[in-house]
Amino acid sequence: MKFLTLAALAVATTMTGQMAKAETGLSALFKREQSTLNTVPDTRLSGFLGFKIRPKQSPVTELTFTKAWLDEQPVATGDANFSCLAEALYFEARGETVKGQFAVAEVIMNRVNSAQFPNTLCGVINQGTGRRYQCQFTYTCDGHEEVIREKAAYVRVAKVARLVIDGAAPDLTAGATYYHTTAVSPRWSRSFTKTTRIGVHLFYRDERYRTASSE
């Protein structure tokens, strides 16, 4: 009986030693694998794993409202909502100052955040489209084909769209959800509070629906 006990103890000791060696070996293997993965570029690693890793970009902390500064920003890309906003800025504000373009983009974002309008950029921009001259943004329902002919202007406003979506835009319009150019005087403007003028656009807030930026 004593012999069997000693034999069992010896076997257990041997197995414990083997397990310890195995764990040590696995630990070393994991470390080597991790070291190897760390040397693989993100783009190649994303390909191995089947998804894309978006390069990290430093957030813009200070805006300069000049074309020169905007031209220095990286080329902008994005999803469908980004495309909707970039297109809206092209047709609504490509002739505006850079600050004016940011202001128009801010109004659209304010609408997204207001209970009065749809809660997506594409929803806000295309609201009413399909009814001639009954939409929120005339270019979407004026019967004319939307063709982007000024490529450089589109590249710039697309950068504005990207920056605003990423949260880099300042509060320029005091919560405005409406605007019009100085060339017209729509009847609806009398019902709202004028907040500011930027470039050739006047901005208005509907006091019945306050957004976070207007409180």
C-alpha atoms as a PDB file:
ATOM      1  CA  MET A   1       0.000   0.000   0.000  1.00  0.00           C
ATOM      2  CA  LYS A   2       2.848   2.318   0.938  1.00  0.00           C
ATOM      3  CA  PHE A   3       4.548   1.419  -2.348  1.00  0.00           C
ATOM      4  CA  LEU A   4       1.419   2.363  -4.320  1.00  0.00           C
ATOM      5  CA  THR A   5       1.173   5.692  -2.493  1.00  0.00           C
ATOM      6  CA  LEU A   6       4.785   6.535  -3.286  1.00  0.00           C
ATOM      7  CA  ALA A   7       4.256   5.543  -6.912  1.00  0.00           C
ATOM      8  CA  ALA A   8       1.183   7.737  -7.176  1.00  0.00           C
ATOM      9  CA  LEU A   9       3.099  10.629  -5.643  1.00  0.00           C
ATOM     10  CA  ALA A  10       5.884  10.189  -8.164  1.00  0.00           C
ATOM     11  CA  VAL A  11       3.435  10.167 -11.058  1.00  0.00           C
ATOM     12  CA  ALA A  12       1.706  13.292  -9.761  1.00  0.00           C
ATOM     13  CA  THR A  13       5.024  15.053  -9.346  1.00  0.00           C
ATOM     14  CA  THR A  14       6.022  14.142 -12.885  1.00  0.00           C
ATOM     15  CA  MET A  15       2.692  15.316 -14.325  1.00  0.00           C
ATOM     16  CA  THR A  16       2.899  18.587 -12.371  1.00  0.00           C
ATOM     17  CA  GLY A  17       6.332  19.225 -13.776  1.00  0.00           C
ATOM     18  CA  GLN A  18       5.136  18.479 -17.307  1.00  0.00           C
ATOM     19  CA  MET A  19       2.130  20.801 -16.916  1.00  0.00           C
ATOM     20  CA  ALA A  20       4.368  23.561 -15.607  1.00  0.00           C
ATOM     21  CA  LYS A  21       6.662  23.135 -18.588  1.00  0.00           C
ATOM     22  CA  ALA A  22       3.651  23.139 -20.923  1.00  0.00           C
ATOM     23  CA  GLU A  23       2.297  26.349 -19.392  1.00  0.00           C
ATOM     24  CA  THR A  24       5.728  27.957 -19.655  1.00  0.00           C
ATOM     25  CA  GLY A  25       5.940  26.869 -23.266  1.00  0.00           C
ATOM     26  CA  LEU A  26       2.481  28.257 -24.072  1.00  0.00           C
ATOM     27  CA  SER A  27       3.291  31.536 -22.366  1.00  0.00           C
ATOM     28  CA  ALA A  28       6.447  31.888 -24.415  1.00  0.00           C
ATOM     29  CA  LEU A  29       4.511  30.999 -27.574  1.00  0.00           C
ATOM     30  CA  PHE A  30       1.834  33.632 -26.863  1.00  0.00           C
ATOM     31  CA  LYS A  31       4.523  36.237 -26.276  1.00  0.00           C
ATOM     32  CA  ARG A  32       6.206  35.397 -29.582  1.00  0.00           C
ATOM     33  CA  GLU A  33       2.857  35.547 -31.425  1.00  0.00           C
ATOM     34  CA  GLN A  34       1.989  38.895 -29.844  1.00  0.00           C
ATOM     35  CA  SER A  35       5.393  40.267 -30.765  1.00  0.00           C
ATOM     36  CA  THR A  36       4.904  39.116 -34.358  1.00  0.00           C
ATOM     37  CA  LEU A  37       1.414  40.657 -34.604  1.00  0.00           C
ATOM     38  CA  ASN A  38       2.706  43.955 -33.257  1.00  0.00           C
ATOM     39  CA  THR A  39       5.087  44.200 -36.213  1.00  0.00           C
ATOM     40  CA  VAL A  40       2.330  43.653 -38.800  1.00  0.00           C
ATOM     41  CA  PRO A  41       0.945  46.911 -40.295  1.00  0.00           C
ATOM     42  CA  ASP A  42      -2.701  47.621 -39.447  1.00  0.00           C
ATOM     43  CA  THR A  43      -3.718  47.458 -43.099  1.00  0.00           C
ATOM     44  CA  ARG A  44      -2.319  43.931 -43.531  1.00  0.00           C
ATOM     45  CA  LEU A  45      -3.662  42.774 -40.171  1.00  0.00           C
ATOM     46  CA  SER A  46      -7.146  44.026 -41.050  1.00  0.00           C
ATOM     47  CA  GLY A  47      -6.958  42.007 -44.254  1.00  0.00           C
ATOM     48  CA  PHE A  48      -6.080  38.844 -42.332  1.00  0.00           C
ATOM     49  CA  LEU A  49      -8.981  39.400 -39.936  1.00  0.00           C
ATOM     50  CA  GLY A  50     -11.533  40.322 -42.600  1.00  0.00           C
ATOM     51  CA  PHE A  51     -12.316  43.925 -41.622  1.00  0.00           C
ATOM     52  CA  LYS A  52     -10.859  47.381 -42.146  1.00  0.00           C
ATOM     53  CA  ILE A  53      -9.023  49.277 -39.451  1.00  0.00           C
ATOM     54  CA  ARG A  54      -9.478  53.010 -39.889  1.00  0.00           C
ATOM     55  CA  PRO A  55      -6.229  54.913 -39.317  1.00  0.00           C
ATOM     56  CA  LYS A  56      -6.285  56.997 -36.165  1.00  0.00           C
ATOM     57  CA  GLN A  57      -6.443  60.715 -36.834  1.00  0.00           C
ATOM     58  CA  SER A  58      -5.685  63.437 -34.357  1.00  0.00           C
ATOM     59  CA  PRO A  59      -8.868  65.402 -33.641  1.00  0.00           C
ATOM     60  CA  VAL A  60      -8.907  68.966 -34.905  1.00  0.00           C
ATOM     61  CA  THR A  61      -8.950  71.207 -31.857  1.00  0.00           C
ATOM     62  CA  GLU A  62      -8.791  74.592 -33.583  1.00  0.00           C
ATOM     63  CA  LEU A  63     -10.510  75.643 -36.773  1.00  0.00           C
ATOM     64  CA  THR A  64      -9.264  78.312 -39.131  1.00  0.00           C
ATOM     65  CA  PHE A  65     -11.938  79.528 -41.498  1.00  0.00           C
ATOM     66  CA  THR A  66      -9.794  79.946 -44.598  1.00  0.00           C
ATOM     67  CA  LYS A  67      -9.547  78.024 -47.852  1.00  0.00           C
ATOM     68  CA  ALA A  68      -5.806  77.648 -47.318  1.00  0.00           C
ATOM     69  CA  TRP A  69      -6.349  75.901 -43.970  1.00  0.00           C
ATOM     70  CA  LEU A  70      -9.130  73.761 -45.384  1.00  0.00           C
ATOM     71  CA  ASP A  71      -6.933  72.686 -48.299  1.00  0.00           C
ATOM     72  CA  GLU A  72      -4.377  71.384 -45.800  1.00  0.00           C
ATOM     73  CA  GLN A  73      -6.892  68.987 -44.233  1.00  0.00           C
ATOM     74  CA  PRO A  74      -6.963  65.337 -45.389  1.00  0.00           C
ATOM     75  CA  VAL A  75      -9.294  64.323 -48.197  1.00  0.00           C
ATOM     76  CA  ALA A  76     -12.649  63.447 -46.631  1.00  0.00           C
ATOM     77  CA  THR A  77     -14.571  60.206 -47.022  1.00  0.00           C
ATOM     78  CA  GLY A  78     -17.491  58.652 -45.198  1.00  0.00           C
ATOM     79  CA  ASP A  79     -20.788  56.810 -45.315  1.00  0.00           C
ATOM     80  CA  ALA A  80     -24.131  57.729 -46.859  1.00  0.00           C
ATOM     81  CA  ASN A  81     -24.866  60.431 -44.276  1.00  0.00           C
ATOM     82  CA  PHE A  82     -21.493  62.019 -44.954  1.00  0.00           C
ATOM     83  CA  SER A  83     -22.293  62.023 -48.680  1.00  0.00           C
ATOM     84  CA  CYS A  84     -25.681  63.634 -48.034  1.00  0.00           C
ATOM     85  CA  LEU A  85     -24.132  66.445 -45.994  1.00  0.00           C
ATOM     86  CA  ALA A  86     -21.274  67.018 -48.441  1.00  0.00           C
ATOM     87  CA  GLU A  87     -23.746  67.215 -51.322  1.00  0.00           C
ATOM     88  CA  ALA A  88     -26.011  69.606 -49.418  1.00  0.00           C
ATOM     89  CA  LEU A  89     -23.095  71.919 -48.649  1.00  0.00           C
ATOM     90  CA  TYR A  90     -22.037  71.852 -52.292  1.00  0.00           C
ATOM     91  CA  PHE A  91     -25.448  72.864 -53.620  1.00  0.00           C
ATOM     92  CA  GLU A  92     -26.412  75.156 -50.739  1.00  0.00           C
ATOM     93  CA  ALA A  93     -23.162  76.859 -49.756  1.00  0.00           C
ATOM     94  CA  ARG A  94     -20.222  76.199 -52.090  1.00  0.00           C
ATOM     95  CA  GLY A  95     -20.058  79.941 -52.885  1.00  0.00           C
ATOM     96  CA  GLU A  96     -20.093  80.899 -49.188  1.00  0.00           C
ATOM     97  CA  THR A  97     -17.099  81.710 -47.034  1.00  0.00           C
ATOM     98  CA  VAL A  98     -15.576  78.743 -45.206  1.00  0.00           C
ATOM     99  CA  LYS A  99     -17.136  80.003 -41.982  1.00  0.00           C
ATOM    100  CA  GLY A 100     -20.480  80.259 -43.757  1.00  0.00           C
ATOM    101  CA  GLN A 101     -20.156  76.669 -44.943  1.00  0.00           C
ATOM    102  CA  PHE A 102     -19.537  75.518 -41.383  1.00  0.00           C
ATOM    103  CA  ALA A 103     -22.569  77.519 -40.271  1.00  0.00           C
ATOM    104  CA  VAL A 104     -24.857  75.888 -42.852  1.00  0.00           C
ATOM    105  CA  ALA A 105     -23.538  72.470 -41.852  1.00  0.00           C
ATOM    106  CA  GLU A 106     -24.224  73.337 -38.224  1.00  0.00           C
ATOM    107  CA  VAL A 107     -27.851  74.167 -39.011  1.00  0.00           C
ATOM    108  CA  ILE A 108     -28.292  70.770 -40.626  1.00  0.00           C
ATOM    109  CA  MET A 109     -26.732  69.061 -37.614  1.00  0.00           C
ATOM    110  CA  ASN A 110     -28.985  71.094 -35.316  1.00  0.00           C
ATOM    111  CA  ARG A 111     -31.968  69.750 -37.227  1.00  0.00           C
ATOM    112  CA  VAL A 112     -30.735  66.189 -36.696  1.00  0.00           C
ATOM    113  CA  ASN A 113     -30.639  66.915 -32.955  1.00  0.00           C
ATOM    114  CA  SER A 114     -34.087  68.538 -32.894  1.00  0.00           C
ATOM    115  CA  ALA A 115     -37.330  66.671 -32.247  1.00  0.00           C
ATOM    116  CA  GLN A 116     -38.868  68.709 -35.061  1.00  0.00           C
ATOM    117  CA  PHE A 117     -36.899  66.962 -37.832  1.00  0.00           C
ATOM    118  CA  PRO A 118     -35.686  63.478 -38.843  1.00  0.00           C
ATOM    119  CA  ASN A 119     -32.793  62.127 -36.789  1.00  0.00           C
ATOM    120  CA  THR A 120     -30.316  61.408 -39.597  1.00  0.00           C
ATOM    121  CA  LEU A 121     -28.448  63.692 -41.968  1.00  0.00           C
ATOM    122  CA  CYS A 122     -29.933  62.085 -45.078  1.00  0.00           C
ATOM    123  CA  GLY A 123     -33.389  62.177 -43.498  1.00  0.00           C
ATOM    124  CA  VAL A 124     -33.089  65.891 -42.743  1.00  0.00           C
ATOM    125  CA  ILE A 125     -31.661  66.813 -46.137  1.00  0.00           C
ATOM    126  CA  ASN A 126     -34.158  64.790 -48.165  1.00  0.00           C
ATOM    127  CA  GLN A 127     -37.216  65.714 -46.111  1.00  0.00           C
ATOM    128  CA  GLY A 128     -40.070  66.552 -48.480  1.00  0.00           C
ATOM    129  CA  THR A 129     -38.144  65.522 -51.579  1.00  0.00           C
ATOM    130  CA  GLY A 130     -40.527  64.271 -54.267  1.00  0.00           C
ATOM    131  CA  ARG A 131     -42.926  67.201 -53.934  1.00  0.00           C
ATOM    132  CA  ARG A 132     -41.839  70.010 -56.244  1.00  0.00           C
ATOM    133  CA  TYR A 133     -40.706  73.020 -54.238  1.00  0.00           C
ATOM    134  CA  GLN A 134     -42.155  71.518 -51.053  1.00  0.00           C
ATOM    135  CA  CYS A 135     -38.886  70.130 -49.710  1.00  0.00           C
ATOM    136  CA  GLN A 136     -36.607  71.586 -47.052  1.00  0.00           C
ATOM    137  CA  PHE A 137     -33.626  72.074 -49.379  1.00  0.00           C
ATOM    138  CA  THR A 138     -34.698  73.371 -52.771  1.00  0.00           C
ATOM    139  CA  TYR A 139     -31.992  71.658 -54.796  1.00  0.00           C
ATOM    140  CA  THR A 140     -33.501  68.267 -53.913  1.00  0.00           C
ATOM    141  CA  CYS A 141     -36.920  69.059 -55.425  1.00  0.00           C
ATOM    142  CA  ASP A 142     -36.490  71.792 -58.034  1.00  0.00           C
ATOM    143  CA  GLY A 143     -36.650  69.360 -60.931  1.00  0.00           C
ATOM    144  CA  HIS A 144     -33.030  69.942 -61.961  1.00  0.00           C
ATOM    145  CA  GLU A 145     -30.479  67.163 -62.067  1.00  0.00           C
ATOM    146  CA  GLU A 146     -27.924  67.399 -59.278  1.00  0.00           C
ATOM    147  CA  VAL A 147     -24.565  67.397 -61.044  1.00  0.00           C
ATOM    148  CA  ILE A 148     -21.347  68.251 -59.244  1.00  0.00           C
ATOM    149  CA  ARG A 149     -19.294  70.161 -61.807  1.00  0.00           C
ATOM    150  CA  GLU A 150     -16.919  72.090 -59.544  1.00  0.00           C
ATOM    151  CA  LYS A 151     -14.726  69.313 -58.199  1.00  0.00           C
ATOM    152  CA  ALA A 152     -12.417  71.518 -56.140  1.00  0.00           C
ATOM    153  CA  ALA A 153     -15.397  73.143 -54.419  1.00  0.00           C
ATOM    154  CA  TYR A 154     -16.849  69.732 -53.627  1.00  0.00           C
ATOM    155  CA  VAL A 155     -13.566  68.505 -52.136  1.00  0.00           C
ATOM    156  CA  ARG A 156     -13.546  71.522 -49.814  1.00  0.00           C
ATOM    157  CA  VAL A 157     -17.143  71.246 -48.621  1.00  0.00           C
ATOM    158  CA  ALA A 158     -16.660  67.505 -48.141  1.00  0.00           C
ATOM    159  CA  LYS A 159     -13.899  68.324 -45.670  1.00  0.00           C
ATOM    160  CA  VAL A 160     -16.282  70.675 -43.860  1.00  0.00           C
ATOM    161  CA  ALA A 161     -18.868  67.890 -43.720  1.00  0.00           C
ATOM    162  CA  ARG A 162     -16.343  65.450 -42.284  1.00  0.00           C
ATOM    163  CA  LEU A 163     -15.139  67.881 -39.637  1.00  0.00           C
ATOM    164  CA  VAL A 164     -18.673  68.770 -38.544  1.00  0.00           C
ATOM    165  CA  ILE A 165     -19.733  65.119 -38.337  1.00  0.00           C
ATOM    166  CA  ASP A 166     -16.635  64.413 -36.245  1.00  0.00           C
ATOM    167  CA  GLY A 167     -17.672  67.159 -33.839  1.00  0.00           C
ATOM    168  CA  ALA A 168     -15.002  69.737 -34.668  1.00  0.00           C
ATOM    169  CA  ALA A 169     -17.372  72.585 -35.564  1.00  0.00           C
ATOM    170  CA  PRO A 170     -17.871  75.439 -33.086  1.00  0.00           C
ATOM    171  CA  ASP A 171     -21.196  77.000 -32.117  1.00  0.00           C
ATOM    172  CA  LEU A 172     -21.652  79.611 -34.822  1.00  0.00           C
ATOM    173  CA  THR A 173     -25.425  79.970 -35.106  1.00  0.00           C
ATOM    174  CA  ALA A 174     -26.747  79.804 -31.519  1.00  0.00           C
ATOM    175  CA  GLY A 175     -28.903  76.771 -32.230  1.00  0.00           C
ATOM    176  CA  ALA A 176     -30.346  77.898 -35.567  1.00  0.00           C
ATOM    177  CA  THR A 177     -32.377  75.387 -37.552  1.00  0.00           C
ATOM    178  CA  TYR A 178     -33.275  77.654 -40.479  1.00  0.00           C
ATOM    179  CA  TYR A 179     -31.415  79.948 -42.842  1.00  0.00           C
ATOM    180  CA  HIS A 180     -31.836  81.835 -46.075  1.00  0.00           C
ATOM    181  CA  THR A 181     -29.666  84.041 -48.251  1.00  0.00           C
ATOM    182  CA  THR A 182     -29.771  87.810 -48.067  1.00  0.00           C
ATOM    183  CA  ALA A 183     -31.186  87.833 -51.607  1.00  0.00           C
ATOM    184  CA  VAL A 184     -34.622  86.714 -50.380  1.00  0.00           C
ATOM    185  CA  SER A 185     -37.012  87.491 -47.536  1.00  0.00           C
ATOM    186  CA  PRO A 186     -39.231  84.455 -46.939  1.00  0.00           C
ATOM    187  CA  ARG A 187     -42.448  84.866 -44.980  1.00  0.00           C
ATOM    188  CA  TRP A 188     -41.502  82.109 -42.519  1.00  0.00           C
ATOM    189  CA  SER A 189     -38.528  84.105 -41.241  1.00  0.00           C
ATOM    190  CA  ARG A 190     -40.894  86.436 -39.362  1.00  0.00           C
ATOM    191  CA  SER A 191     -41.971  83.558 -37.132  1.00  0.00           C
ATOM    192  CA  PHE A 192     -38.485  82.740 -35.873  1.00  0.00           C
ATOM    193  CA  THR A 193     -35.722  84.367 -33.856  1.00  0.00           C
ATOM    194  CA  LYS A 194     -32.855  85.678 -35.946  1.00  0.00           C
ATOM    195  CA  THR A 195     -29.597  84.536 -34.364  1.00  0.00           C
ATOM    196  CA  THR A 196     -26.835  85.813 -36.655  1.00  0.00           C
ATOM    197  CA  ARG A 197     -25.642  86.638 -40.137  1.00  0.00           C
ATOM    198  CA  ILE A 198     -22.610  84.895 -41.611  1.00  0.00           C
ATOM    199  CA  GLY A 199     -21.538  85.698 -45.149  1.00  0.00           C
ATOM    200  CA  VAL A 200     -24.637  85.902 -47.339  1.00  0.00           C
ATOM    201  CA  HIS A 201     -26.815  83.789 -45.038  1.00  0.00           C
ATOM    202  CA  LEU A 202     -29.153  84.787 -42.203  1.00  0.00           C
ATOM    203  CA  PHE A 203     -29.818  82.216 -39.484  1.00  0.00           C
ATOM    204  CA  TYR A 204     -32.930  81.638 -37.386  1.00  0.00           C
ATOM    205  CA  ARG A 205     -33.998  79.596 -34.383  1.00  0.00           C
ATOM    206  CA  ASP A 206     -37.460  78.204 -33.676  1.00  0.00           C
ATOM    207  CA  GLU A 207     -37.981  78.893 -29.963  1.00  0.00           C
ATOM    208  CA  ARG A 208     -40.502  76.050 -29.707  1.00  0.00           C
ATOM    209  CA  TYR A 209     -37.801  73.493 -30.403  1.00  0.00           C
ATOM    210  CA  ARG A 210     -34.519  74.150 -28.656  1.00  0.00           C
ATOM    211  CA  THR A 211     -31.407  72.118 -29.401  1.00  0.00           C
ATOM    212  CA  ALA A 212     -28.530  71.580 -26.980  1.00  0.00           C
ATOM    213  CA  SER A 213     -26.515  74.338 -28.654  1.00  0.00           C
ATOM    214  CA  SER A 214     -29.314  76.888 -28.172  1.00  0.00           C
ATOM    215  CA  GLU A 215     -29.972  76.298 -24.467  1.00  0.00           C
END
